[in-house]
Protein backbone atom coordinates (compact mmCIF):
# COMPACT_ATOMS: atom_id res chain seq x y z
CA MET A 1 0.06 0.07 -0.07
CA THR A 2 1.16 3.45 -0.92
CA GLY A 3 -0.30 6.81 0.70
CA TYR A 4 -2.53 7.58 3.56
CA ASN A 5 -5.59 5.15 4.82
CA THR A 6 -7.31 5.99 7.95
CA GLU A 7 -8.76 2.37 8.09
CA ALA A 8 -5.30 0.95 7.81
CA ILE A 9 -3.97 2.93 10.23
CA GLU A 10 -6.84 2.07 12.73
CA ALA A 11 -5.70 -1.90 11.77
CA LEU A 12 -2.53 -1.40 12.58
CA GLY A 13 -3.04 0.47 16.13
CA GLY A 14 -5.25 -3.33 16.88
CA GLN A 15 -1.79 -5.24 15.12
CA ILE A 16 0.61 -3.19 17.98
CA ASN A 17 -1.60 -4.15 20.63
CA THR A 18 -2.04 -7.80 19.53
CA ALA A 19 1.61 -7.82 19.41
CA CYS A 20 2.65 -6.63 22.67
CA GLU A 21 0.79 -9.30 23.93
CA GLN A 22 2.02 -11.98 21.98
CA ALA A 23 5.06 -10.75 23.05
CA ALA A 24 4.77 -11.27 26.90
CA THR A 25 2.78 -14.59 26.27
CA ASP A 26 6.15 -16.05 23.93
CA ILE A 27 8.22 -14.84 26.89
CA ILE A 28 5.88 -16.21 29.83
CA ASP A 29 5.15 -19.18 27.69
CA THR A 30 8.99 -20.44 26.65
CA LEU A 31 10.49 -19.33 30.53
CA GLU A 32 7.21 -22.32 31.56
CA SER A 33 8.38 -24.87 29.07
CA GLY A 34 11.98 -24.47 28.77
CA ILE A 35 12.75 -23.72 32.60
CA ILE A 36 10.12 -24.47 35.14
CA THR A 37 8.40 -27.52 33.89
CA PRO A 38 11.77 -29.60 33.14
CA ILE A 39 13.33 -28.41 36.46
CA SER A 40 9.65 -28.80 38.79
CA THR A 41 10.81 -32.88 38.80
CA GLU A 42 14.27 -32.53 39.29
CA TRP A 43 14.22 -30.66 42.53
CA TYR A 44 12.52 -30.53 45.90
CA THR A 45 13.38 -27.76 48.47
CA PRO A 46 12.15 -25.13 50.11
CA GLU A 47 15.28 -23.28 48.71
CA GLY A 48 14.11 -23.86 45.42
CA VAL A 49 10.44 -22.59 45.59
CA ASP A 50 11.73 -19.48 47.26
CA PHE A 51 14.57 -19.00 44.26
CA PHE A 52 11.84 -19.28 41.48
CA THR A 53 9.26 -17.23 43.61
CA SER A 54 11.79 -14.27 42.92
CA PHE A 55 12.10 -15.02 39.62
CA LYS A 56 8.76 -14.86 39.00
CA GLU A 57 8.76 -11.39 40.61
CA THR A 58 11.45 -10.10 38.30
CA VAL A 59 9.82 -11.59 35.18
CA ASP A 60 6.18 -10.28 36.27
CA GLY A 61 7.79 -7.37 36.55
CA THR A 62 8.75 -6.65 33.19
CA ALA A 63 5.04 -6.08 31.75
CA PRO A 64 5.61 -2.11 32.39
CA THR A 65 8.91 -2.17 29.95
CA VAL A 66 7.16 -4.40 27.28
CA GLN A 67 4.61 -1.98 27.10
CA GLU A 68 6.52 0.85 26.83
CA ALA A 69 8.63 -0.50 23.99
CA PHE A 70 5.43 -0.91 22.19
CA ASP A 71 3.66 2.46 22.83
CA SER A 72 6.98 4.06 21.86
CA PHE A 73 6.17 2.25 18.62
CA ARG A 74 2.54 3.11 18.81
CA ALA A 75 3.66 6.91 19.17
CA SER A 76 5.89 7.04 16.24
CA ILE A 77 3.15 5.60 13.98
CA GLN A 78 1.25 8.30 15.31
CA SER A 79 3.73 10.83 14.35
CA ALA A 80 3.74 9.55 11.00
CA VAL A 81 0.02 9.57 10.83
CA ASP A 82 0.02 13.25 11.58
CA ASN A 83 2.33 14.15 9.27
CA TRP A 84 0.24 12.25 6.53
CA ALA A 85 -2.67 14.06 7.79
CA GLN A 86 -0.89 17.56 7.00
CA ASN A 87 -0.01 16.39 4.03
CA THR A 88 -3.56 15.58 2.69
CA SER A 89 -5.12 18.56 3.90
CA LYS A 90 -5.53 21.51 1.65
CA GLU A 91 -3.65 24.99 1.99
CA GLY A 92 -5.50 27.49 3.53
CA GLY A 93 -7.64 25.00 5.65
CA ALA A 94 -10.50 24.44 2.60
CA THR A 95 -9.86 20.74 3.33
CA ALA A 96 -9.85 19.34 6.95
CA ALA A 97 -6.74 17.27 7.48
CA ILE A 98 -7.75 13.18 7.34
CA THR A 99 -6.65 11.73 10.39
CA THR A 100 -7.18 8.96 13.53
CA THR A 101 -5.75 8.62 16.69
CA LEU A 102 -4.44 5.04 18.04
CA GLU A 103 -5.07 4.31 21.16
CA THR A 104 -2.05 3.84 24.08
CA VAL A 105 -0.75 -0.10 24.11
CA THR A 106 -2.60 -1.98 26.94
CA GLN A 107 -0.32 -3.27 29.61
CA PRO A 108 0.09 -7.13 28.83
CA ALA A 109 -0.66 -9.97 31.47
CA MET A 110 2.42 -11.23 32.53
CA SER A 111 2.19 -14.13 35.11
CA LEU A 112 4.91 -16.82 35.24
CA ASN A 113 3.49 -19.90 36.74
CA VAL A 114 5.80 -21.43 39.39
CA SER A 115 3.09 -23.35 40.80
CA ALA A 116 5.04 -26.71 39.99
CA ILE A 117 8.15 -25.98 41.90
CA GLN A 118 7.47 -27.92 45.06
CA ALA A 119 8.98 -27.91 48.57
CA SER A 120 8.87 -31.17 48.70
CA ASN A 121 7.38 -34.35 46.78
CA GLY A 122 5.54 -35.97 49.60
CA ASN A 123 7.93 -36.70 51.65
CA VAL A 124 10.94 -36.43 49.49
CA VAL A 125 13.11 -33.29 49.99
CA GLY A 126 16.02 -33.13 47.45
CA ILE A 127 17.63 -32.19 44.10
CA ASN A 128 18.66 -34.17 41.12
CA GLU A 129 22.04 -32.49 40.21
CA GLU A 130 22.39 -34.16 37.11
CA GLY A 131 18.62 -33.31 35.64
CA ALA A 132 18.69 -29.89 37.45
CA ALA A 133 22.08 -28.94 35.97
CA GLY A 134 21.07 -29.83 32.70
CA VAL A 135 17.84 -27.58 32.56
CA ALA A 136 20.36 -24.72 33.64
CA SER A 137 22.79 -25.35 31.07
CA GLY A 138 19.98 -24.84 28.49
CA LEU A 139 19.35 -21.50 29.48
CA GLU A 140 21.08 -19.89 26.11
CA ALA A 141 18.79 -21.87 24.09
CA VAL A 142 15.71 -20.95 25.96
CA GLN A 143 16.71 -17.22 26.01
CA SER A 144 17.65 -17.86 21.73
CA GLU A 145 14.15 -19.17 21.32
CA ILE A 146 12.28 -16.20 23.07
CA GLN A 147 14.45 -13.83 20.72
CA THR A 148 13.40 -15.73 17.43
CA LYS A 149 9.90 -15.72 18.37
CA LEU A 150 10.26 -11.83 18.87
CA GLN A 151 11.55 -11.31 15.39
CA THR A 152 8.70 -13.03 14.10
CA ILE A 153 6.72 -10.51 15.71
CA ALA A 154 8.75 -7.56 14.71
CA SER A 155 8.71 -9.12 10.79
CA GLY A 156 5.21 -8.73 10.75
CA LEU A 157 4.73 -5.41 12.49
CA ASP A 158 7.59 -3.90 9.75
CA ALA A 159 5.49 -5.13 6.64
CA SER A 160 2.12 -3.62 8.41
CA SER A 161 3.70 -0.39 8.80
CA ALA A 162 6.16 0.05 5.94
CA PHE A 163 4.00 2.44 3.99
CA LEU A 164 3.92 5.26 6.66
CA GLY A 165 7.58 5.88 6.08
CA GLY A 166 11.50 4.80 6.49
CA THR A 167 11.48 5.95 10.31
CA GLN A 168 9.37 3.30 11.27
CA ALA A 169 12.02 0.79 10.40
CA ASP A 170 14.53 2.68 13.22
CA ALA A 171 11.31 2.63 15.64
CA ILE A 172 10.75 -0.91 15.01
CA GLN A 173 13.89 -2.05 15.77
CA SER A 174 13.88 0.18 18.82
CA CYS A 175 10.98 -0.97 20.52
CA PHE A 176 11.91 -4.65 19.68
CA GLY A 177 15.76 -3.91 20.99
CA LYS A 178 13.82 -2.66 24.54
CA VAL A 179 11.95 -5.85 24.66
CA ASN A 180 14.99 -7.91 24.11
CA GLU A 181 16.56 -5.78 27.41
CA ALA A 182 13.91 -6.86 29.15
CA VAL A 183 14.44 -10.39 28.57
CA ALA A 184 17.88 -9.90 28.86
CA LYS A 185 17.54 -8.84 32.29
CA ILE A 186 15.29 -12.15 33.06
CA PHE A 187 17.88 -14.34 32.25
CA SER A 188 21.07 -12.08 34.11
CA PHE A 189 18.66 -12.99 37.11
CA LEU A 190 19.19 -16.96 36.62
CA THR A 191 22.78 -16.44 35.32
CA GLU A 192 24.68 -14.00 37.36
CA GLY A 193 26.59 -13.54 40.57
CA ASP A 194 26.15 -15.73 43.60
CA GLU A 195 22.40 -16.37 43.61
CA SER A 196 22.64 -17.53 39.93
CA LEU A 197 20.55 -20.96 38.80
CA MET A 198 23.62 -22.77 38.75
CA SER A 199 24.81 -21.32 42.24
CA GLN A 200 21.56 -22.51 43.45
CA ILE A 201 21.82 -25.51 42.49
CA ASN A 202 25.29 -26.31 43.92
CA LYS A 203 23.69 -24.81 47.31
CA ALA A 204 20.74 -27.45 47.17
CA VAL A 205 23.06 -30.19 46.41
CA SER A 206 25.63 -29.29 49.32
CA LYS A 207 22.79 -29.03 51.34
CA TYR A 208 20.89 -31.93 50.75
CA GLY A 209 22.89 -34.23 48.58
CA SER A 210 22.83 -35.05 45.01
CA VAL A 211 20.85 -38.33 43.69
CA ALA A 212 21.97 -38.71 39.58
CA THR A 213 18.56 -41.02 39.35
CA ASP A 214 15.27 -40.85 40.97
CA VAL A 215 15.19 -38.55 43.69
CA ALA A 216 12.07 -39.92 44.78
CA SER A 217 13.89 -43.51 45.66
CA ALA A 218 16.81 -41.91 47.13
CA PHE A 219 15.00 -39.45 49.81
CA ASN A 220 12.26 -42.49 50.63
CA GLY A 221 14.84 -44.62 52.10
CA ALA A 222 15.98 -44.62 55.49
CA GLY A 223 18.37 -41.79 55.08
CA GLU A 224 20.07 -42.78 51.63
CA GLY A 225 20.99 -39.42 50.25
CA GLY A 226 18.91 -37.37 52.45
CA ALA A 227 18.89 -33.87 54.39
CA ASN A 228 22.21 -33.34 56.19
């Protein structure tokens, strides 16, 4: 499409909101399937619950950043809309500018479900070091999967907004740059410092012992691999 079309603009506004919601959903779903679900069957300690409760707070807290990123893109589109409106009006005001207003992007619902992380499994308290470490070693792949999904969303928005002008290309890069920064902060919680996921796993192994096979069979016995 070339030129200016208020119906197309309004449709694009809806697409931006949908893209924001989809980005949030993709982040949450990928974290749950790539980290929470697999580690929930490897780690049963109160400390594990505490760690992932804090992780949930970090993830859920990125919702305002995601909203701001997409709304900045919406504002860029609005600026282009206003410019087009001026360009379509007649000199001297004989014909009023044809314009439309895009609604502010709604903050997406982001709520990481960590309920699968339990302090115990019946009378079992402990950690499977091998399994838990395997999840920790796959964090880079999980982050890459999120980035791929975000790139797909960005491509769709870029194609939709291209008719408004070249400045939108920079705006959409800025938008998804901000979202990726938020994702990077999520993963820095898991990978950096003494409180990283791997560090927490090591602490759990030190405190409760490690079983390379089945946590339940080890901790149901008379003190085999049990808590210190």
